[in-house]
Each structure stands twice: as structure tokens, then as C-alpha cells.
Amino acid sequence: MGVKLDLFHDETGGDTFPAGHVVFQEADMGSEMYVVLEGEIELSINGNVVETLGPGEPFGEMALIDQEPRVATAIAKTPCRLLAIPEKRFLFLVSAMPHFSLQIMKVMADRLRKMNSRT
């Protein structure tokens, strides 16, 4: 498990999805990021699972930062509850809450280190 976003630990909303649900696919354009509230999400690249995420962990943020297509596919490994953060809210959080920005940077740094250690 990686870096968690503590900002959303008391979140009661979100949407529920069954195991096997495809949240997004590689090459999709993204207009929101997600935070796992319950359950697990698998991220895969070219069909290979590269990370399994649990409660508190975000995913999909890169598409909001660089406006490029998604680099991974996200699939619910177990039944899960996800909080979708639309681009507009993401940009507000980044500009208004330095702690949120720092956590997103930590998430990205953690993932980069993991990818580098695999090569």
C-alpha cells in the first residue's frame, strides 16, 4: 500500500461498485480522480497489474495534472466504494490546500520510486 490521503478519511459519500467493475481504461481521457474509501482497486498497464490500492489511496490524478490520456486501467478487485473528485474540485483543492498538494506529490513520488525499483 502507498501514500494515503487523510483529507477524506471521514467521507461518507461516494459510489459503490462490484468486483470486476472497470473504473477507467488506459488511453481514456480523464475528468476526475478517485479516492478508495472501501475495498481494493487494481491498476494495470498493458494488462499487467502494477499496484493494488486500498482505503485512503488516490488514483487517476495524473490525467488531471497533465491533461493526457490515462496511462493505466483501474478495476475493482473487490466490491468497493470510491469518491470521485472532479477536475474543478481537484484544482480548487490544489490551489487552496497546500497539504492536499503535498500529499498528491507524495503519491506521485511513491509511484515513481516503485516503478523505478521494478526496472
N, C-alpha and C. Protein backbone atom coordinates (compact mmCIF):
# COMPACT_ATOMS: atom_id res chain seq x y z
N MET A 1 0.84 -1.18 0.00
CA MET A 1 0.00 0.00 0.00
C MET A 1 0.88 1.24 0.00
N GLY A 2 0.37 2.30 -0.62
CA GLY A 2 1.16 3.51 -0.76
C GLY A 2 0.68 4.64 0.13
N VAL A 3 0.92 5.85 -0.34
CA VAL A 3 0.57 7.07 0.38
C VAL A 3 -0.95 7.23 0.40
N LYS A 4 -1.49 7.59 1.56
CA LYS A 4 -2.94 7.77 1.71
C LYS A 4 -3.27 9.25 1.85
N LEU A 5 -4.46 9.63 1.37
CA LEU A 5 -4.94 10.99 1.53
C LEU A 5 -5.79 11.05 2.79
N ASP A 6 -5.26 11.66 3.85
CA ASP A 6 -6.00 11.71 5.11
C ASP A 6 -7.17 12.69 5.08
N LEU A 7 -7.20 13.55 4.09
CA LEU A 7 -8.27 14.55 3.96
C LEU A 7 -9.65 13.92 3.84
N PHE A 8 -9.73 12.72 3.30
CA PHE A 8 -11.02 12.10 3.00
C PHE A 8 -11.36 10.92 3.93
N HIS A 9 -10.65 10.76 5.04
CA HIS A 9 -10.86 9.57 5.88
C HIS A 9 -12.24 9.51 6.53
N ASP A 10 -12.95 10.64 6.66
CA ASP A 10 -14.29 10.63 7.25
C ASP A 10 -15.40 10.74 6.20
N GLU A 11 -15.04 10.63 4.94
CA GLU A 11 -16.02 10.79 3.85
C GLU A 11 -17.08 9.70 3.93
N THR A 12 -18.35 10.11 3.89
CA THR A 12 -19.44 9.14 3.96
C THR A 12 -20.13 8.92 2.61
N GLY A 13 -19.81 9.72 1.62
CA GLY A 13 -20.45 9.59 0.31
C GLY A 13 -19.72 8.60 -0.57
N GLY A 14 -19.70 8.91 -1.84
CA GLY A 14 -19.03 8.05 -2.80
C GLY A 14 -20.00 7.11 -3.49
N ASP A 15 -19.49 6.40 -4.47
CA ASP A 15 -20.28 5.45 -5.25
C ASP A 15 -19.73 4.05 -5.02
N THR A 16 -20.63 3.07 -5.01
CA THR A 16 -20.21 1.68 -4.81
C THR A 16 -20.17 0.95 -6.15
N PHE A 17 -19.21 0.04 -6.25
CA PHE A 17 -19.00 -0.72 -7.47
C PHE A 17 -18.73 -2.18 -7.11
N PRO A 18 -19.20 -3.11 -7.95
CA PRO A 18 -18.92 -4.53 -7.69
C PRO A 18 -17.50 -4.89 -8.12
N ALA A 19 -17.01 -6.00 -7.60
CA ALA A 19 -15.72 -6.52 -8.05
C ALA A 19 -15.78 -6.72 -9.56
N GLY A 20 -14.70 -6.37 -10.24
CA GLY A 20 -14.63 -6.52 -11.69
C GLY A 20 -15.05 -5.28 -12.46
N HIS A 21 -15.62 -4.29 -11.78
CA HIS A 21 -16.05 -3.07 -12.46
C HIS A 21 -14.83 -2.30 -12.97
N VAL A 22 -14.87 -1.88 -14.24
CA VAL A 22 -13.79 -1.08 -14.82
C VAL A 22 -14.09 0.39 -14.54
N VAL A 23 -13.26 1.02 -13.74
CA VAL A 23 -13.44 2.43 -13.39
C VAL A 23 -13.03 3.29 -14.57
N PHE A 24 -11.86 3.00 -15.14
CA PHE A 24 -11.42 3.62 -16.38
C PHE A 24 -10.38 2.73 -17.04
N GLN A 25 -10.13 3.00 -18.32
CA GLN A 25 -9.18 2.19 -19.09
C GLN A 25 -8.03 3.04 -19.59
N GLU A 26 -6.92 2.36 -19.84
CA GLU A 26 -5.78 3.02 -20.48
C GLU A 26 -6.26 3.76 -21.71
N ALA A 27 -5.72 4.92 -21.95
CA ALA A 27 -5.99 5.76 -23.12
C ALA A 27 -7.29 6.55 -23.01
N ASP A 28 -8.11 6.31 -21.97
CA ASP A 28 -9.28 7.17 -21.75
C ASP A 28 -8.81 8.56 -21.34
N MET A 29 -9.57 9.56 -21.72
CA MET A 29 -9.32 10.90 -21.18
C MET A 29 -9.97 10.95 -19.81
N GLY A 30 -9.39 11.70 -18.90
CA GLY A 30 -9.92 11.73 -17.54
C GLY A 30 -10.42 13.10 -17.14
N SER A 31 -11.58 13.12 -16.48
CA SER A 31 -12.11 14.38 -15.98
C SER A 31 -12.28 14.34 -14.46
N GLU A 32 -11.84 13.25 -13.83
CA GLU A 32 -11.86 13.16 -12.38
C GLU A 32 -10.79 12.19 -11.90
N MET A 33 -10.43 12.35 -10.64
CA MET A 33 -9.58 11.39 -9.95
C MET A 33 -10.45 10.71 -8.91
N TYR A 34 -9.92 9.70 -8.26
CA TYR A 34 -10.70 8.93 -7.30
C TYR A 34 -9.89 8.68 -6.03
N VAL A 35 -10.62 8.47 -4.94
CA VAL A 35 -10.02 8.03 -3.68
C VAL A 35 -10.79 6.77 -3.27
N VAL A 36 -10.05 5.72 -2.94
CA VAL A 36 -10.67 4.48 -2.46
C VAL A 36 -11.15 4.72 -1.03
N LEU A 37 -12.44 4.55 -0.79
CA LEU A 37 -12.99 4.67 0.56
C LEU A 37 -13.13 3.31 1.22
N GLU A 38 -13.50 2.30 0.44
CA GLU A 38 -13.60 0.92 0.92
C GLU A 38 -13.24 -0.01 -0.23
N GLY A 39 -12.65 -1.16 0.10
CA GLY A 39 -12.32 -2.15 -0.92
C GLY A 39 -10.94 -1.95 -1.52
N GLU A 40 -10.72 -2.59 -2.67
CA GLU A 40 -9.42 -2.53 -3.35
C GLU A 40 -9.60 -2.32 -4.84
N ILE A 41 -8.68 -1.56 -5.40
CA ILE A 41 -8.62 -1.27 -6.83
C ILE A 41 -7.28 -1.76 -7.36
N GLU A 42 -7.30 -2.43 -8.51
CA GLU A 42 -6.06 -2.83 -9.17
C GLU A 42 -5.79 -1.88 -10.33
N LEU A 43 -4.56 -1.41 -10.40
CA LEU A 43 -4.11 -0.61 -11.54
C LEU A 43 -3.24 -1.50 -12.41
N SER A 44 -3.54 -1.53 -13.71
CA SER A 44 -2.75 -2.35 -14.62
C SER A 44 -2.34 -1.53 -15.84
N ILE A 45 -1.18 -1.88 -16.36
CA ILE A 45 -0.64 -1.26 -17.57
C ILE A 45 -0.36 -2.39 -18.54
N ASN A 46 -0.92 -2.28 -19.74
CA ASN A 46 -0.78 -3.33 -20.75
C ASN A 46 -1.18 -4.70 -20.21
N GLY A 47 -2.21 -4.73 -19.36
CA GLY A 47 -2.71 -5.99 -18.83
C GLY A 47 -1.96 -6.54 -17.63
N ASN A 48 -0.89 -5.88 -17.20
CA ASN A 48 -0.10 -6.33 -16.05
C ASN A 48 -0.43 -5.48 -14.83
N VAL A 49 -0.84 -6.12 -13.74
CA VAL A 49 -1.15 -5.38 -12.51
C VAL A 49 0.14 -4.78 -11.96
N VAL A 50 0.12 -3.46 -11.76
CA VAL A 50 1.30 -2.77 -11.24
C VAL A 50 1.11 -2.30 -9.81
N GLU A 51 -0.15 -2.22 -9.36
CA GLU A 51 -0.39 -1.76 -7.99
C GLU A 51 -1.81 -2.12 -7.57
N THR A 52 -1.95 -2.45 -6.29
CA THR A 52 -3.26 -2.66 -5.68
C THR A 52 -3.44 -1.59 -4.62
N LEU A 53 -4.55 -0.87 -4.71
CA LEU A 53 -4.81 0.26 -3.81
C LEU A 53 -5.93 -0.08 -2.84
N GLY A 54 -5.81 0.46 -1.62
CA GLY A 54 -6.82 0.26 -0.60
C GLY A 54 -7.36 1.58 -0.08
N PRO A 55 -8.14 1.53 0.99
CA PRO A 55 -8.77 2.73 1.53
C PRO A 55 -7.79 3.87 1.79
N GLY A 56 -8.20 5.06 1.36
CA GLY A 56 -7.40 6.26 1.53
C GLY A 56 -6.47 6.56 0.37
N GLU A 57 -6.31 5.60 -0.52
CA GLU A 57 -5.36 5.80 -1.62
C GLU A 57 -6.04 6.38 -2.85
N PRO A 58 -5.40 7.40 -3.44
CA PRO A 58 -5.95 8.05 -4.64
C PRO A 58 -5.43 7.40 -5.92
N PHE A 59 -6.17 7.62 -6.99
CA PHE A 59 -5.69 7.20 -8.31
C PHE A 59 -6.39 8.04 -9.37
N GLY A 60 -5.76 8.12 -10.54
CA GLY A 60 -6.33 8.88 -11.64
C GLY A 60 -5.96 10.35 -11.65
N GLU A 61 -5.09 10.75 -10.73
CA GLU A 61 -4.73 12.17 -10.62
C GLU A 61 -3.89 12.67 -11.78
N MET A 62 -3.10 11.80 -12.39
CA MET A 62 -2.20 12.24 -13.47
C MET A 62 -2.96 12.86 -14.63
N ALA A 63 -4.11 12.29 -14.98
CA ALA A 63 -4.88 12.82 -16.11
C ALA A 63 -5.36 14.24 -15.84
N LEU A 64 -5.55 14.60 -14.58
CA LEU A 64 -5.97 15.95 -14.24
C LEU A 64 -4.79 16.92 -14.23
N ILE A 65 -3.62 16.40 -13.97
CA ILE A 65 -2.44 17.25 -13.90
C ILE A 65 -1.89 17.56 -15.29
N ASP A 66 -1.79 16.53 -16.15
CA ASP A 66 -1.15 16.77 -17.45
C ASP A 66 -2.11 16.78 -18.64
N GLN A 67 -3.41 16.57 -18.40
CA GLN A 67 -4.42 16.61 -19.47
C GLN A 67 -4.13 15.60 -20.58
N GLU A 68 -3.46 14.52 -20.25
CA GLU A 68 -3.14 13.46 -21.20
C GLU A 68 -4.03 12.24 -20.92
N PRO A 69 -4.12 11.30 -21.87
CA PRO A 69 -4.91 10.09 -21.64
C PRO A 69 -4.38 9.28 -20.45
N ARG A 70 -5.24 8.51 -19.86
CA ARG A 70 -4.88 7.68 -18.72
C ARG A 70 -3.79 6.68 -19.13
N VAL A 71 -2.86 6.42 -18.22
CA VAL A 71 -1.76 5.51 -18.52
C VAL A 71 -2.01 4.11 -17.98
N ALA A 72 -3.09 3.95 -17.22
CA ALA A 72 -3.39 2.64 -16.62
C ALA A 72 -4.89 2.37 -16.69
N THR A 73 -5.23 1.11 -16.48
CA THR A 73 -6.62 0.70 -16.32
C THR A 73 -6.86 0.46 -14.84
N ALA A 74 -8.01 0.92 -14.34
CA ALA A 74 -8.36 0.74 -12.93
C ALA A 74 -9.60 -0.16 -12.84
N ILE A 75 -9.46 -1.27 -12.14
CA ILE A 75 -10.55 -2.25 -12.00
C ILE A 75 -10.75 -2.56 -10.52
N ALA A 76 -12.01 -2.64 -10.11
CA ALA A 76 -12.33 -3.02 -8.73
C ALA A 76 -11.92 -4.47 -8.49
N LYS A 77 -10.97 -4.69 -7.61
CA LYS A 77 -10.55 -6.05 -7.26
C LYS A 77 -11.58 -6.70 -6.33
N THR A 78 -12.17 -5.88 -5.48
CA THR A 78 -13.22 -6.32 -4.55
C THR A 78 -14.37 -5.33 -4.69
N PRO A 79 -15.52 -5.63 -4.11
CA PRO A 79 -16.55 -4.59 -4.06
C PRO A 79 -15.93 -3.36 -3.39
N CYS A 80 -16.22 -2.19 -3.91
CA CYS A 80 -15.56 -1.01 -3.37
C CYS A 80 -16.47 0.21 -3.38
N ARG A 81 -16.05 1.20 -2.61
CA ARG A 81 -16.72 2.50 -2.58
C ARG A 81 -15.65 3.53 -2.90
N LEU A 82 -15.93 4.34 -3.92
CA LEU A 82 -14.96 5.32 -4.40
C LEU A 82 -15.54 6.72 -4.32
N LEU A 83 -14.68 7.67 -4.00
CA LEU A 83 -15.04 9.08 -4.07
C LEU A 83 -14.45 9.64 -5.35
N ALA A 84 -15.29 10.15 -6.23
CA ALA A 84 -14.81 10.80 -7.45
C ALA A 84 -14.58 12.28 -7.14
N ILE A 85 -13.44 12.78 -7.55
CA ILE A 85 -13.11 14.19 -7.37
C ILE A 85 -13.00 14.81 -8.76
N PRO A 86 -14.02 15.58 -9.16
CA PRO A 86 -13.99 16.20 -10.49
C PRO A 86 -12.82 17.18 -10.62
N GLU A 87 -12.42 17.43 -11.85
CA GLU A 87 -11.28 18.30 -12.12
C GLU A 87 -11.41 19.66 -11.43
N LYS A 88 -12.59 20.25 -11.47
CA LYS A 88 -12.77 21.57 -10.85
C LYS A 88 -12.49 21.53 -9.35
N ARG A 89 -12.99 20.49 -8.67
CA ARG A 89 -12.72 20.36 -7.23
C ARG A 89 -11.25 20.07 -6.98
N PHE A 90 -10.65 19.23 -7.82
CA PHE A 90 -9.22 18.93 -7.69
C PHE A 90 -8.40 20.22 -7.78
N LEU A 91 -8.69 21.05 -8.78
CA LEU A 91 -7.94 22.30 -8.95
C LEU A 91 -8.14 23.23 -7.76
N PHE A 92 -9.36 23.26 -7.21
CA PHE A 92 -9.61 24.07 -6.02
C PHE A 92 -8.78 23.54 -4.85
N LEU A 93 -8.80 22.23 -4.63
CA LEU A 93 -8.05 21.65 -3.52
C LEU A 93 -6.55 21.91 -3.65
N VAL A 94 -6.03 21.80 -4.87
CA VAL A 94 -4.60 22.05 -5.10
C VAL A 94 -4.25 23.50 -4.79
N SER A 95 -5.11 24.43 -5.21
CA SER A 95 -4.79 25.85 -5.01
C SER A 95 -5.08 26.34 -3.60
N ALA A 96 -6.08 25.77 -2.94
CA ALA A 96 -6.49 26.28 -1.63
C ALA A 96 -5.90 25.52 -0.44
N MET A 97 -5.42 24.31 -0.69
CA MET A 97 -4.94 23.47 0.42
C MET A 97 -3.55 22.92 0.12
N PRO A 98 -2.51 23.62 0.56
CA PRO A 98 -1.15 23.14 0.30
C PRO A 98 -0.92 21.70 0.79
N HIS A 99 -1.57 21.31 1.87
CA HIS A 99 -1.41 19.95 2.39
C HIS A 99 -1.89 18.91 1.37
N PHE A 100 -3.00 19.20 0.70
CA PHE A 100 -3.51 18.30 -0.34
C PHE A 100 -2.49 18.19 -1.48
N SER A 101 -1.96 19.33 -1.91
CA SER A 101 -0.96 19.33 -2.99
C SER A 101 0.25 18.50 -2.61
N LEU A 102 0.70 18.66 -1.38
CA LEU A 102 1.87 17.90 -0.92
C LEU A 102 1.56 16.40 -0.90
N GLN A 103 0.36 16.03 -0.47
CA GLN A 103 0.01 14.61 -0.47
C GLN A 103 -0.02 14.04 -1.89
N ILE A 104 -0.56 14.80 -2.84
CA ILE A 104 -0.58 14.34 -4.24
C ILE A 104 0.85 14.17 -4.75
N MET A 105 1.74 15.11 -4.41
CA MET A 105 3.14 14.97 -4.82
C MET A 105 3.77 13.73 -4.20
N LYS A 106 3.45 13.44 -2.94
CA LYS A 106 3.99 12.24 -2.29
C LYS A 106 3.48 10.98 -2.98
N VAL A 107 2.21 10.96 -3.35
CA VAL A 107 1.64 9.81 -4.08
C VAL A 107 2.41 9.58 -5.37
N MET A 108 2.61 10.66 -6.13
CA MET A 108 3.30 10.52 -7.42
C MET A 108 4.76 10.11 -7.23
N ALA A 109 5.44 10.67 -6.21
CA ALA A 109 6.83 10.29 -5.95
C ALA A 109 6.92 8.82 -5.53
N ASP A 110 5.98 8.38 -4.70
CA ASP A 110 5.95 6.98 -4.26
C ASP A 110 5.78 6.04 -5.45
N ARG A 111 4.87 6.38 -6.34
CA ARG A 111 4.64 5.52 -7.52
C ARG A 111 5.85 5.52 -8.45
N LEU A 112 6.49 6.66 -8.61
CA LEU A 112 7.68 6.74 -9.46
C LEU A 112 8.80 5.89 -8.87
N ARG A 113 9.01 5.97 -7.57
CA ARG A 113 10.04 5.15 -6.93
C ARG A 113 9.76 3.65 -7.11
N LYS A 114 8.49 3.26 -6.95
CA LYS A 114 8.13 1.85 -7.13
C LYS A 114 8.39 1.40 -8.56
N MET A 115 8.03 2.23 -9.52
CA MET A 115 8.26 1.87 -10.93
C MET A 115 9.75 1.77 -11.22
N ASN A 116 10.55 2.69 -10.68
CA ASN A 116 11.99 2.66 -10.90
C ASN A 116 12.63 1.43 -10.26
N SER A 117 12.11 1.00 -9.12
CA SER A 117 12.69 -0.17 -8.45
C SER A 117 12.37 -1.47 -9.19
N ARG A 118 11.35 -1.45 -10.05
CA ARG A 118 10.98 -2.65 -10.82
C ARG A 118 11.84 -2.81 -12.07
N THR A 119 12.48 -1.74 -12.50
CA THR A 119 13.26 -1.82 -13.74
C THR A 119 14.71 -2.13 -13.47
